[in-house]
Structure formats: structure tokens, C-alpha cells
Amino acid sequence: MTSERWLARMGRLAAVVAVLLVAGCATKDSARGEREYLDEVTAATITVGGPTLVFARERPELAVHARDYLTLVPVDVNRSGTHSQYFYGYVWSTLDKRGLAEEATAAWRFDLVADGRRIALTPLAGEPRDLGLGEPPLPSPARSAQVLVAPTNREVQAFVAGASELRVVATHEGGAVRFELWR
């Protein structure tokens, strides 16, 4: 075998091994729903935990198959070695709520309930970029989705990840409603 053919064969073999290694790493992360990336806007390292939690509230009084949703994912923001944890998510609906004045003006407060433990999802004021999130760690599920970023800590994130029962309670002036884990 000539040295040129040997080098070409080794190059192809190296390319195949590289593709398999990259595919193996991507599958491992995406199977658990976790990923890490460098935010190109803020230069923070963002770790997005998994899985993405989607909670739903049925709205049969407004339309067939109508639901309000809350989507949440745990996030760790590493800014030069300083870590901050958040629940990042969206409040959204399959309904066009422009005609529902009560819904638009109601001040909703969300509590995540994990195995009976109530965890307030108190939204942070300001922009996610100020926290190190220049790019959304989770794509918006709808054009009208409202961002919810609530501070937390690793202990709470780990507790939620290991919980066997999860739901969200949304309270406002008129009372409280439940969002069940949507599968």
C-alpha cells in the first residue's frame, strides 16, 4: 500500500471516529434533556437542566382543547465562576386572550408544588440579559408567551428533579387554579 493511500485511509478513519464521538456526546446530553452552551451575548456559561417541565390548565369554558400553559426549565448561569440558578420559563396559552380583559390585567403568582413542598416562582424584575441570559435557554412556545425567570438554588432544583409529584398553583385576585404536569 502506498503512503498516499495509507494517509487517505487514515484520514477517513479519523473522520468517522470524530463523527461517532460527537454523535455519542450529543445523544448523551439530549437524552437527559441537559445541555451547556456559551452565551455569545453575555459570555456566561449556561447549563440548562432537563427535562423541560410543561404544566397545563384546561380551559373548556372558552374553547375545545383550550389550555393555559407554564413551561419551566432549571438553568445555571456561570459568570466568571459565580453561579446563579433560576427556573426559566414561559406563561402561554392556546387562546387569543386579547378580548379577555380580566385575564390580561390579573396579577398571577405561580407556586411550583413538588411532593407537597410549595416553591414560590417569584419573577425577577428587569431583563434576562442582566442575569447573564442574552439568548433564551429555551425557545418560546408561542409569539404571545410571557417570559418568567425566577431565582432558586441548586438544592431546590435537585428536589424538583427528584420529585414524584409536580404541579403548579396559580393565584390571582379571583382565587387559585391548578396547572397539572402535561405529558
N, C-alpha and C. Protein backbone atom coordinates (compact mmCIF):
# COMPACT_ATOMS: atom_id res chain seq x y z
N MET A 1 0.86 -1.17 0.00
CA MET A 1 0.00 0.00 0.00
C MET A 1 0.91 1.23 0.00
N THR A 2 0.59 2.15 -0.88
CA THR A 2 1.40 3.36 -0.95
C THR A 2 1.10 4.26 0.23
N SER A 3 2.05 5.14 0.52
CA SER A 3 1.86 6.03 1.67
C SER A 3 0.70 6.99 1.43
N GLU A 4 0.44 7.37 0.18
CA GLU A 4 -0.69 8.27 -0.10
C GLU A 4 -2.02 7.59 0.20
N ARG A 5 -2.14 6.32 -0.23
CA ARG A 5 -3.38 5.58 0.04
C ARG A 5 -3.54 5.34 1.54
N TRP A 6 -2.46 5.06 2.23
CA TRP A 6 -2.50 4.82 3.67
C TRP A 6 -2.94 6.09 4.39
N LEU A 7 -2.41 7.25 4.01
CA LEU A 7 -2.80 8.52 4.62
C LEU A 7 -4.27 8.84 4.34
N ALA A 8 -4.73 8.57 3.13
CA ALA A 8 -6.14 8.82 2.80
C ALA A 8 -7.05 7.93 3.64
N ARG A 9 -6.67 6.64 3.78
CA ARG A 9 -7.47 5.71 4.58
C ARG A 9 -7.50 6.15 6.05
N MET A 10 -6.38 6.57 6.60
CA MET A 10 -6.30 7.02 7.99
C MET A 10 -7.13 8.30 8.18
N GLY A 11 -7.12 9.18 7.19
CA GLY A 11 -7.92 10.40 7.27
C GLY A 11 -9.41 10.09 7.33
N ARG A 12 -9.85 9.14 6.49
CA ARG A 12 -11.27 8.74 6.51
C ARG A 12 -11.63 8.08 7.84
N LEU A 13 -10.74 7.25 8.36
CA LEU A 13 -10.98 6.59 9.63
C LEU A 13 -11.08 7.62 10.76
N ALA A 14 -10.20 8.59 10.75
CA ALA A 14 -10.23 9.65 11.78
C ALA A 14 -11.53 10.44 11.69
N ALA A 15 -11.99 10.72 10.49
CA ALA A 15 -13.24 11.46 10.31
C ALA A 15 -14.42 10.66 10.86
N VAL A 16 -14.46 9.35 10.59
CA VAL A 16 -15.55 8.50 11.08
C VAL A 16 -15.53 8.46 12.62
N VAL A 17 -14.36 8.31 13.21
CA VAL A 17 -14.25 8.27 14.68
C VAL A 17 -14.70 9.59 15.27
N ALA A 18 -14.31 10.71 14.67
CA ALA A 18 -14.71 12.03 15.17
C ALA A 18 -16.23 12.20 15.12
N VAL A 19 -16.85 11.78 14.03
CA VAL A 19 -18.31 11.89 13.90
C VAL A 19 -19.00 11.03 14.96
N LEU A 20 -18.51 9.81 15.19
CA LEU A 20 -19.11 8.94 16.19
C LEU A 20 -18.96 9.51 17.60
N LEU A 21 -17.80 10.10 17.89
CA LEU A 21 -17.61 10.69 19.21
C LEU A 21 -18.54 11.88 19.43
N VAL A 22 -18.65 12.73 18.44
CA VAL A 22 -19.54 13.90 18.56
C VAL A 22 -20.99 13.45 18.69
N ALA A 23 -21.40 12.49 17.88
CA ALA A 23 -22.78 12.00 17.94
C ALA A 23 -23.06 11.35 19.29
N GLY A 24 -22.10 10.61 19.83
CA GLY A 24 -22.28 9.98 21.13
C GLY A 24 -22.45 11.01 22.23
N CYS A 25 -21.69 12.06 22.20
CA CYS A 25 -21.81 13.12 23.22
C CYS A 25 -23.14 13.85 23.09
N ALA A 26 -23.55 14.14 21.88
CA ALA A 26 -24.81 14.87 21.68
C ALA A 26 -25.99 14.02 22.13
N THR A 27 -25.96 12.73 21.83
CA THR A 27 -27.06 11.86 22.23
C THR A 27 -27.14 11.75 23.74
N LYS A 28 -26.00 11.65 24.40
CA LYS A 28 -26.00 11.53 25.85
C LYS A 28 -26.64 12.74 26.50
N ASP A 29 -26.27 13.95 26.09
CA ASP A 29 -26.82 15.16 26.67
C ASP A 29 -28.30 15.31 26.32
N SER A 30 -28.66 15.14 25.07
CA SER A 30 -30.04 15.38 24.67
C SER A 30 -30.99 14.32 25.23
N ALA A 31 -30.51 13.11 25.49
CA ALA A 31 -31.38 12.07 26.06
C ALA A 31 -31.85 12.46 27.45
N ARG A 32 -31.00 13.12 28.23
CA ARG A 32 -31.39 13.57 29.57
C ARG A 32 -32.04 14.94 29.52
N GLY A 33 -31.93 15.61 28.39
CA GLY A 33 -32.52 16.93 28.27
C GLY A 33 -31.60 18.03 28.76
N GLU A 34 -30.37 17.70 29.14
CA GLU A 34 -29.44 18.70 29.63
C GLU A 34 -28.53 19.17 28.49
N ARG A 35 -28.12 20.45 28.60
CA ARG A 35 -27.14 20.95 27.64
C ARG A 35 -26.44 22.15 28.25
N GLU A 36 -25.26 22.43 27.72
CA GLU A 36 -24.47 23.56 28.20
C GLU A 36 -24.00 24.33 26.98
N TYR A 37 -24.00 25.66 27.09
CA TYR A 37 -23.52 26.47 25.98
C TYR A 37 -22.96 27.78 26.50
N LEU A 38 -22.15 28.41 25.68
CA LEU A 38 -21.61 29.71 25.99
C LEU A 38 -22.52 30.75 25.37
N ASP A 39 -23.09 31.60 26.20
CA ASP A 39 -23.97 32.66 25.70
C ASP A 39 -23.09 33.69 25.01
N GLU A 40 -23.27 33.85 23.71
CA GLU A 40 -22.40 34.73 22.93
C GLU A 40 -22.65 36.21 23.21
N VAL A 41 -23.77 36.54 23.80
CA VAL A 41 -24.08 37.93 24.12
C VAL A 41 -23.45 38.35 25.44
N THR A 42 -23.57 37.49 26.47
CA THR A 42 -23.11 37.85 27.82
C THR A 42 -21.80 37.18 28.22
N ALA A 43 -21.33 36.21 27.45
CA ALA A 43 -20.12 35.42 27.74
C ALA A 43 -20.28 34.56 28.98
N ALA A 44 -21.49 34.31 29.43
CA ALA A 44 -21.75 33.41 30.56
C ALA A 44 -21.90 31.99 30.03
N THR A 45 -21.51 31.02 30.86
CA THR A 45 -21.74 29.62 30.52
C THR A 45 -23.10 29.24 31.11
N ILE A 46 -23.98 28.79 30.25
CA ILE A 46 -25.35 28.47 30.64
C ILE A 46 -25.52 26.95 30.63
N THR A 47 -25.97 26.40 31.76
CA THR A 47 -26.30 24.98 31.83
C THR A 47 -27.81 24.88 31.98
N VAL A 48 -28.43 24.23 31.01
CA VAL A 48 -29.88 24.05 31.01
C VAL A 48 -30.15 22.62 31.45
N GLY A 49 -30.83 22.48 32.58
CA GLY A 49 -31.15 21.15 33.10
C GLY A 49 -32.33 20.55 32.36
N GLY A 50 -32.57 19.31 32.61
CA GLY A 50 -33.69 18.68 31.96
C GLY A 50 -34.43 17.80 32.94
N PRO A 51 -35.56 17.36 32.58
CA PRO A 51 -36.28 17.67 31.35
C PRO A 51 -37.04 18.99 31.47
N THR A 52 -37.52 19.47 30.34
CA THR A 52 -38.38 20.65 30.34
C THR A 52 -39.73 20.24 30.91
N LEU A 53 -40.20 21.01 31.89
CA LEU A 53 -41.49 20.72 32.53
C LEU A 53 -42.56 21.59 31.90
N VAL A 54 -43.65 20.97 31.49
CA VAL A 54 -44.78 21.70 30.91
C VAL A 54 -46.00 21.40 31.76
N PHE A 55 -46.60 22.45 32.29
CA PHE A 55 -47.81 22.34 33.09
C PHE A 55 -48.96 22.94 32.31
N ALA A 56 -50.15 22.33 32.43
CA ALA A 56 -51.30 22.80 31.66
C ALA A 56 -52.53 22.94 32.54
N ARG A 57 -53.35 23.88 32.17
CA ARG A 57 -54.65 24.12 32.81
C ARG A 57 -55.69 24.08 31.71
N GLU A 58 -56.61 23.15 31.80
CA GLU A 58 -57.67 23.03 30.80
C GLU A 58 -58.60 24.23 30.87
N ARG A 59 -59.06 24.71 29.72
CA ARG A 59 -59.98 25.85 29.64
C ARG A 59 -61.20 25.52 28.77
N PRO A 60 -61.97 24.47 29.12
CA PRO A 60 -63.11 24.06 28.28
C PRO A 60 -64.22 25.10 28.22
N GLU A 61 -64.27 26.03 29.20
CA GLU A 61 -65.31 27.06 29.19
C GLU A 61 -65.07 28.09 28.07
N LEU A 62 -63.86 28.11 27.51
CA LEU A 62 -63.54 29.08 26.46
C LEU A 62 -63.48 28.47 25.07
N ALA A 63 -63.01 27.23 24.97
CA ALA A 63 -62.92 26.57 23.67
C ALA A 63 -62.55 25.10 23.88
N VAL A 64 -62.83 24.29 22.87
CA VAL A 64 -62.48 22.88 22.92
C VAL A 64 -60.96 22.75 22.82
N HIS A 65 -60.38 21.93 23.65
CA HIS A 65 -58.94 21.69 23.71
C HIS A 65 -58.13 22.94 24.02
N ALA A 66 -58.73 23.93 24.64
CA ALA A 66 -58.02 25.15 25.02
C ALA A 66 -57.29 24.93 26.33
N ARG A 67 -56.06 25.43 26.40
CA ARG A 67 -55.26 25.28 27.61
C ARG A 67 -54.39 26.51 27.82
N ASP A 68 -54.13 26.78 29.10
CA ASP A 68 -53.08 27.71 29.50
C ASP A 68 -51.90 26.84 29.92
N TYR A 69 -50.70 27.32 29.66
CA TYR A 69 -49.51 26.54 29.96
C TYR A 69 -48.49 27.35 30.75
N LEU A 70 -47.67 26.62 31.49
CA LEU A 70 -46.47 27.17 32.10
C LEU A 70 -45.36 26.17 31.78
N THR A 71 -44.34 26.64 31.08
CA THR A 71 -43.19 25.82 30.72
C THR A 71 -42.01 26.26 31.57
N LEU A 72 -41.33 25.32 32.20
CA LEU A 72 -40.19 25.63 33.08
C LEU A 72 -39.01 24.72 32.79
N VAL A 73 -37.82 25.29 32.95
CA VAL A 73 -36.60 24.51 32.85
C VAL A 73 -35.60 25.09 33.86
N PRO A 74 -34.86 24.22 34.59
CA PRO A 74 -33.85 24.74 35.51
C PRO A 74 -32.62 25.21 34.73
N VAL A 75 -32.06 26.34 35.17
CA VAL A 75 -30.91 26.92 34.48
C VAL A 75 -29.86 27.33 35.51
N ASP A 76 -28.60 27.09 35.19
CA ASP A 76 -27.47 27.58 35.98
C ASP A 76 -26.68 28.54 35.10
N VAL A 77 -26.44 29.75 35.62
CA VAL A 77 -25.68 30.77 34.89
C VAL A 77 -24.35 30.93 35.60
N ASN A 78 -23.27 30.67 34.87
CA ASN A 78 -21.92 30.79 35.40
C ASN A 78 -21.26 32.01 34.78
N ARG A 79 -21.08 33.03 35.60
CA ARG A 79 -20.42 34.27 35.16
C ARG A 79 -19.09 34.37 35.88
N SER A 80 -18.03 33.96 35.20
CA SER A 80 -16.67 34.01 35.75
C SER A 80 -16.57 33.29 37.09
N GLY A 81 -17.18 32.13 37.20
CA GLY A 81 -17.10 31.33 38.41
C GLY A 81 -18.18 31.60 39.44
N THR A 82 -18.99 32.61 39.23
CA THR A 82 -20.11 32.90 40.12
C THR A 82 -21.36 32.28 39.52
N HIS A 83 -21.93 31.31 40.23
CA HIS A 83 -23.09 30.58 39.73
C HIS A 83 -24.38 31.14 40.31
N SER A 84 -25.39 31.25 39.47
CA SER A 84 -26.74 31.63 39.90
C SER A 84 -27.71 30.66 39.25
N GLN A 85 -28.72 30.23 40.02
CA GLN A 85 -29.70 29.28 39.50
C GLN A 85 -31.05 29.96 39.35
N TYR A 86 -31.76 29.53 38.31
CA TYR A 86 -33.08 30.08 38.01
C TYR A 86 -33.98 28.98 37.47
N PHE A 87 -35.27 29.22 37.58
CA PHE A 87 -36.25 28.50 36.76
C PHE A 87 -36.60 29.47 35.66
N TYR A 88 -36.35 29.07 34.42
CA TYR A 88 -36.63 29.91 33.26
C TYR A 88 -37.82 29.29 32.55
N GLY A 89 -38.78 30.11 32.18
CA GLY A 89 -39.94 29.55 31.51
C GLY A 89 -40.80 30.56 30.82
N TYR A 90 -41.93 30.07 30.39
CA TYR A 90 -42.90 30.88 29.66
C TYR A 90 -44.30 30.59 30.17
N VAL A 91 -45.09 31.64 30.26
CA VAL A 91 -46.52 31.53 30.53
C VAL A 91 -47.18 31.79 29.19
N TRP A 92 -47.98 30.82 28.72
CA TRP A 92 -48.55 30.96 27.39
C TRP A 92 -49.87 30.20 27.30
N SER A 93 -50.53 30.35 26.18
CA SER A 93 -51.85 29.76 26.03
C SER A 93 -52.11 29.41 24.57
N THR A 94 -53.06 28.51 24.37
CA THR A 94 -53.52 28.22 23.02
C THR A 94 -54.63 29.19 22.62
N LEU A 95 -55.00 30.07 23.54
CA LEU A 95 -56.09 31.02 23.31
C LEU A 95 -55.56 32.39 22.96
N ASP A 96 -56.33 33.11 22.18
CA ASP A 96 -56.07 34.53 21.95
C ASP A 96 -56.82 35.27 23.04
N LYS A 97 -56.10 35.83 24.01
CA LYS A 97 -56.73 36.42 25.19
C LYS A 97 -56.91 37.93 25.09
N ARG A 98 -56.75 38.48 23.91
CA ARG A 98 -56.88 39.94 23.79
C ARG A 98 -58.26 40.43 24.19
N GLY A 99 -59.29 39.64 24.01
CA GLY A 99 -60.64 40.05 24.36
C GLY A 99 -61.02 39.76 25.80
N LEU A 100 -60.14 39.11 26.55
CA LEU A 100 -60.42 38.75 27.92
C LEU A 100 -59.71 39.72 28.86
N ALA A 101 -60.36 40.84 29.16
CA ALA A 101 -59.73 41.90 29.97
C ALA A 101 -59.31 41.39 31.34
N GLU A 102 -60.12 40.56 31.96
CA GLU A 102 -59.80 40.05 33.31
C GLU A 102 -58.49 39.27 33.29
N GLU A 103 -58.31 38.42 32.30
CA GLU A 103 -57.10 37.62 32.20
C GLU A 103 -55.87 38.49 31.99
N ALA A 104 -56.00 39.52 31.19
CA ALA A 104 -54.85 40.36 30.86
C ALA A 104 -54.39 41.20 32.05
N THR A 105 -55.32 41.62 32.88
CA THR A 105 -54.95 42.51 33.97
C THR A 105 -54.70 41.79 35.29
N ALA A 106 -55.06 40.53 35.37
CA ALA A 106 -54.88 39.79 36.62
C ALA A 106 -53.38 39.61 36.91
N ALA A 107 -53.02 39.87 38.15
CA ALA A 107 -51.63 39.69 38.58
C ALA A 107 -51.46 38.25 39.06
N TRP A 108 -50.95 37.39 38.21
CA TRP A 108 -50.78 35.99 38.55
C TRP A 108 -49.52 35.79 39.37
N ARG A 109 -49.60 34.89 40.34
CA ARG A 109 -48.44 34.45 41.10
C ARG A 109 -48.40 32.94 41.00
N PHE A 110 -47.25 32.40 40.68
CA PHE A 110 -47.11 30.96 40.47
C PHE A 110 -46.29 30.33 41.58
N ASP A 111 -46.77 29.17 42.06
CA ASP A 111 -46.04 28.36 43.02
C ASP A 111 -45.89 26.96 42.43
N LEU A 112 -44.68 26.48 42.40
CA LEU A 112 -44.41 25.11 41.99
C LEU A 112 -44.57 24.24 43.22
N VAL A 113 -45.35 23.18 43.11
CA VAL A 113 -45.57 22.27 44.24
C VAL A 113 -44.93 20.94 43.87
N ALA A 114 -43.87 20.59 44.64
CA ALA A 114 -43.13 19.36 44.39
C ALA A 114 -43.23 18.48 45.63
N ASP A 115 -43.89 17.34 45.49
CA ASP A 115 -44.11 16.42 46.62
C ASP A 115 -44.64 17.15 47.84
N GLY A 116 -45.58 18.06 47.63
CA GLY A 116 -46.22 18.80 48.71
C GLY A 116 -45.48 20.04 49.17
N ARG A 117 -44.26 20.23 48.73
CA ARG A 117 -43.47 21.42 49.11
C ARG A 117 -43.76 22.54 48.12
N ARG A 118 -44.19 23.68 48.65
CA ARG A 118 -44.54 24.84 47.82
C ARG A 118 -43.31 25.70 47.58
N ILE A 119 -43.00 25.96 46.31
CA ILE A 119 -41.83 26.75 45.92
C ILE A 119 -42.33 27.94 45.12
N ALA A 120 -42.20 29.12 45.70
CA ALA A 120 -42.67 30.33 45.01
C ALA A 120 -41.81 30.62 43.79
N LEU A 121 -42.46 30.88 42.67
CA LEU A 121 -41.77 31.28 41.44
C LEU A 121 -41.93 32.79 41.31
N THR A 122 -41.16 33.51 42.12
CA THR A 122 -41.25 34.96 42.15
C THR A 122 -40.44 35.53 40.99
N PRO A 123 -41.10 36.16 40.03
CA PRO A 123 -40.36 36.65 38.85
C PRO A 123 -39.41 37.79 39.21
N LEU A 124 -38.25 37.75 38.59
CA LEU A 124 -37.27 38.81 38.77
C LEU A 124 -37.65 40.01 37.90
N ALA A 125 -37.43 41.19 38.43
CA ALA A 125 -37.64 42.41 37.65
C ALA A 125 -36.43 42.60 36.74
N GLY A 126 -36.63 43.28 35.66
CA GLY A 126 -35.52 43.55 34.75
C GLY A 126 -35.48 42.57 33.60
N GLU A 127 -34.40 42.66 32.88
CA GLU A 127 -34.22 41.84 31.68
C GLU A 127 -33.40 40.60 31.98
N PRO A 128 -33.70 39.47 31.31
CA PRO A 128 -32.88 38.26 31.48
C PRO A 128 -31.40 38.52 31.15
N ARG A 129 -31.13 39.45 30.24
CA ARG A 129 -29.75 39.75 29.87
C ARG A 129 -28.94 40.22 31.09
N ASP A 130 -29.59 40.95 32.00
CA ASP A 130 -28.91 41.42 33.21
C ASP A 130 -28.46 40.25 34.10
N LEU A 131 -29.08 39.09 33.94
CA LEU A 131 -28.74 37.90 34.72
C LEU A 131 -27.69 37.04 34.04
N GLY A 132 -27.32 37.41 32.81
CA GLY A 132 -26.37 36.61 32.04
C GLY A 132 -27.03 35.81 30.94
N LEU A 133 -28.33 36.00 30.74
CA LEU A 133 -29.08 35.26 29.73
C LEU A 133 -29.35 36.16 28.52
N GLY A 134 -28.35 36.30 27.66
CA GLY A 134 -28.51 37.13 26.47
C GLY A 134 -29.35 36.45 25.41
N GLU A 135 -29.31 35.14 25.41
CA GLU A 135 -30.11 34.33 24.48
C GLU A 135 -31.03 33.46 25.33
N PRO A 136 -32.27 33.26 24.91
CA PRO A 136 -33.18 32.41 25.70
C PRO A 136 -32.65 30.98 25.75
N PRO A 137 -32.59 30.37 26.92
CA PRO A 137 -32.13 28.98 27.03
C PRO A 137 -33.19 27.98 26.55
N LEU A 138 -34.37 28.50 26.27
CA LEU A 138 -35.49 27.68 25.85
C LEU A 138 -36.25 28.46 24.80
N PRO A 139 -36.54 27.86 23.64
CA PRO A 139 -37.28 28.61 22.63
C PRO A 139 -38.71 28.92 23.08
N SER A 140 -39.20 30.06 22.66
CA SER A 140 -40.55 30.47 23.02
C SER A 140 -41.57 29.54 22.34
N PRO A 141 -42.54 29.02 23.10
CA PRO A 141 -43.53 28.12 22.52
C PRO A 141 -44.62 28.83 21.72
N ALA A 142 -44.74 30.15 21.90
CA ALA A 142 -45.78 30.92 21.19
C ALA A 142 -45.34 32.38 21.12
N ARG A 143 -45.84 33.08 20.11
CA ARG A 143 -45.48 34.50 19.96
C ARG A 143 -45.92 35.33 21.16
N SER A 144 -47.03 34.97 21.75
CA SER A 144 -47.57 35.75 22.87
C SER A 144 -47.06 35.27 24.24
N ALA A 145 -46.14 34.34 24.26
CA ALA A 145 -45.63 33.80 25.53
C ALA A 145 -44.91 34.88 26.32
N GLN A 146 -45.16 34.88 27.63
CA GLN A 146 -44.50 35.83 28.53
C GLN A 146 -43.39 35.10 29.28
N VAL A 147 -42.21 35.71 29.32
CA VAL A 147 -41.06 35.11 29.99
C VAL A 147 -41.23 35.18 31.49
N LEU A 148 -40.87 34.10 32.16
CA LEU A 148 -40.85 34.04 33.62
C LEU A 148 -39.47 33.53 34.03
N VAL A 149 -38.74 34.35 34.77
CA VAL A 149 -37.43 33.96 35.31
C VAL A 149 -37.51 34.13 36.81
N ALA A 150 -37.39 33.01 37.54
CA ALA A 150 -37.50 33.04 39.00
C ALA A 150 -36.21 32.50 39.61
N PRO A 151 -35.64 33.23 40.59
CA PRO A 151 -34.41 32.75 41.23
C PRO A 151 -34.69 31.53 42.09
N THR A 152 -33.68 30.69 42.20
CA THR A 152 -33.77 29.48 43.02
C THR A 152 -32.36 29.11 43.45
N ASN A 153 -32.17 27.87 43.88
CA ASN A 153 -30.84 27.40 44.22
C ASN A 153 -30.71 25.94 43.81
N ARG A 154 -29.51 25.40 43.92
CA ARG A 154 -29.26 24.01 43.48
C ARG A 154 -30.07 23.01 44.26
N GLU A 155 -30.22 23.24 45.56
CA GLU A 155 -30.97 22.31 46.41
C GLU A 155 -32.41 22.20 45.92
N VAL A 156 -33.03 23.32 45.63
CA VAL A 156 -34.42 23.32 45.16
C VAL A 156 -34.51 22.67 43.79
N GLN A 157 -33.57 22.99 42.90
CA GLN A 157 -33.58 22.37 41.57
C GLN A 157 -33.45 20.85 41.68
N ALA A 158 -32.57 20.37 42.56
CA ALA A 158 -32.39 18.93 42.75
C ALA A 158 -33.65 18.30 43.35
N PHE A 159 -34.28 18.99 44.29
CA PHE A 159 -35.51 18.49 44.90
C PHE A 159 -36.61 18.34 43.84
N VAL A 160 -36.77 19.34 43.01
CA VAL A 160 -37.79 19.30 41.96
C VAL A 160 -37.48 18.18 40.97
N ALA A 161 -36.21 18.02 40.61
CA ALA A 161 -35.82 16.97 39.65
C ALA A 161 -36.14 15.58 40.18
N GLY A 162 -36.06 15.40 41.51
CA GLY A 162 -36.33 14.09 42.09
C GLY A 162 -37.75 13.88 42.58
N ALA A 163 -38.58 14.91 42.46
CA ALA A 163 -39.96 14.81 42.97
C ALA A 163 -40.79 13.85 42.14
N SER A 164 -41.66 13.11 42.82
CA SER A 164 -42.54 12.18 42.11
C SER A 164 -43.86 12.83 41.74
N GLU A 165 -44.22 13.92 42.41
CA GLU A 165 -45.47 14.61 42.11
C GLU A 165 -45.19 16.10 41.94
N LEU A 166 -45.56 16.63 40.77
CA LEU A 166 -45.35 18.04 40.46
C LEU A 166 -46.63 18.66 39.93
N ARG A 167 -46.87 19.90 40.35
CA ARG A 167 -47.97 20.68 39.80
C ARG A 167 -47.65 22.15 40.07
N VAL A 168 -48.42 23.04 39.50
CA VAL A 168 -48.27 24.47 39.72
C VAL A 168 -49.61 25.02 40.17
N VAL A 169 -49.56 25.91 41.16
CA VAL A 169 -50.76 26.61 41.61
C VAL A 169 -50.57 28.07 41.24
N ALA A 170 -51.53 28.59 40.48
CA ALA A 170 -51.50 29.99 40.08
C ALA A 170 -52.57 30.72 40.87
N THR A 171 -52.18 31.78 41.55
CA THR A 171 -53.14 32.56 42.33
C THR A 171 -53.20 33.98 41.77
N HIS A 172 -54.38 34.54 41.90
CA HIS A 172 -54.60 35.94 41.49
C HIS A 172 -55.75 36.48 42.32
N GLU A 173 -56.19 37.66 42.02
CA GLU A 173 -57.23 38.32 42.81
C GLU A 173 -58.49 37.48 42.96
N GLY A 174 -58.84 36.73 41.95
CA GLY A 174 -60.08 35.97 41.97
C GLY A 174 -59.97 34.58 42.56
N GLY A 175 -58.81 34.15 42.99
CA GLY A 175 -58.66 32.81 43.55
C GLY A 175 -57.44 32.10 43.02
N ALA A 176 -57.52 30.77 43.07
CA ALA A 176 -56.38 29.95 42.66
C ALA A 176 -56.83 28.88 41.66
N VAL A 177 -55.92 28.54 40.75
CA VAL A 177 -56.17 27.47 39.78
C VAL A 177 -54.94 26.57 39.74
N ARG A 178 -55.16 25.32 39.35
CA ARG A 178 -54.07 24.35 39.28
C ARG A 178 -53.66 24.08 37.86
N PHE A 179 -52.38 23.96 37.66
CA PHE A 179 -51.79 23.51 36.40
C PHE A 179 -51.17 22.14 36.68
N GLU A 180 -51.61 21.14 35.95
CA GLU A 180 -51.08 19.78 36.14
C GLU A 180 -49.96 19.53 35.15
N LEU A 181 -49.05 18.65 35.53
CA LEU A 181 -47.95 18.28 34.64
C LEU A 181 -48.55 17.67 33.38
N TRP A 182 -48.17 18.22 32.25
CA TRP A 182 -48.74 17.80 30.97
C TRP A 182 -47.79 16.83 30.31
N ARG A 183 -48.31 15.72 29.89
CA ARG A 183 -47.48 14.68 29.25
C ARG A 183 -47.93 14.42 27.85
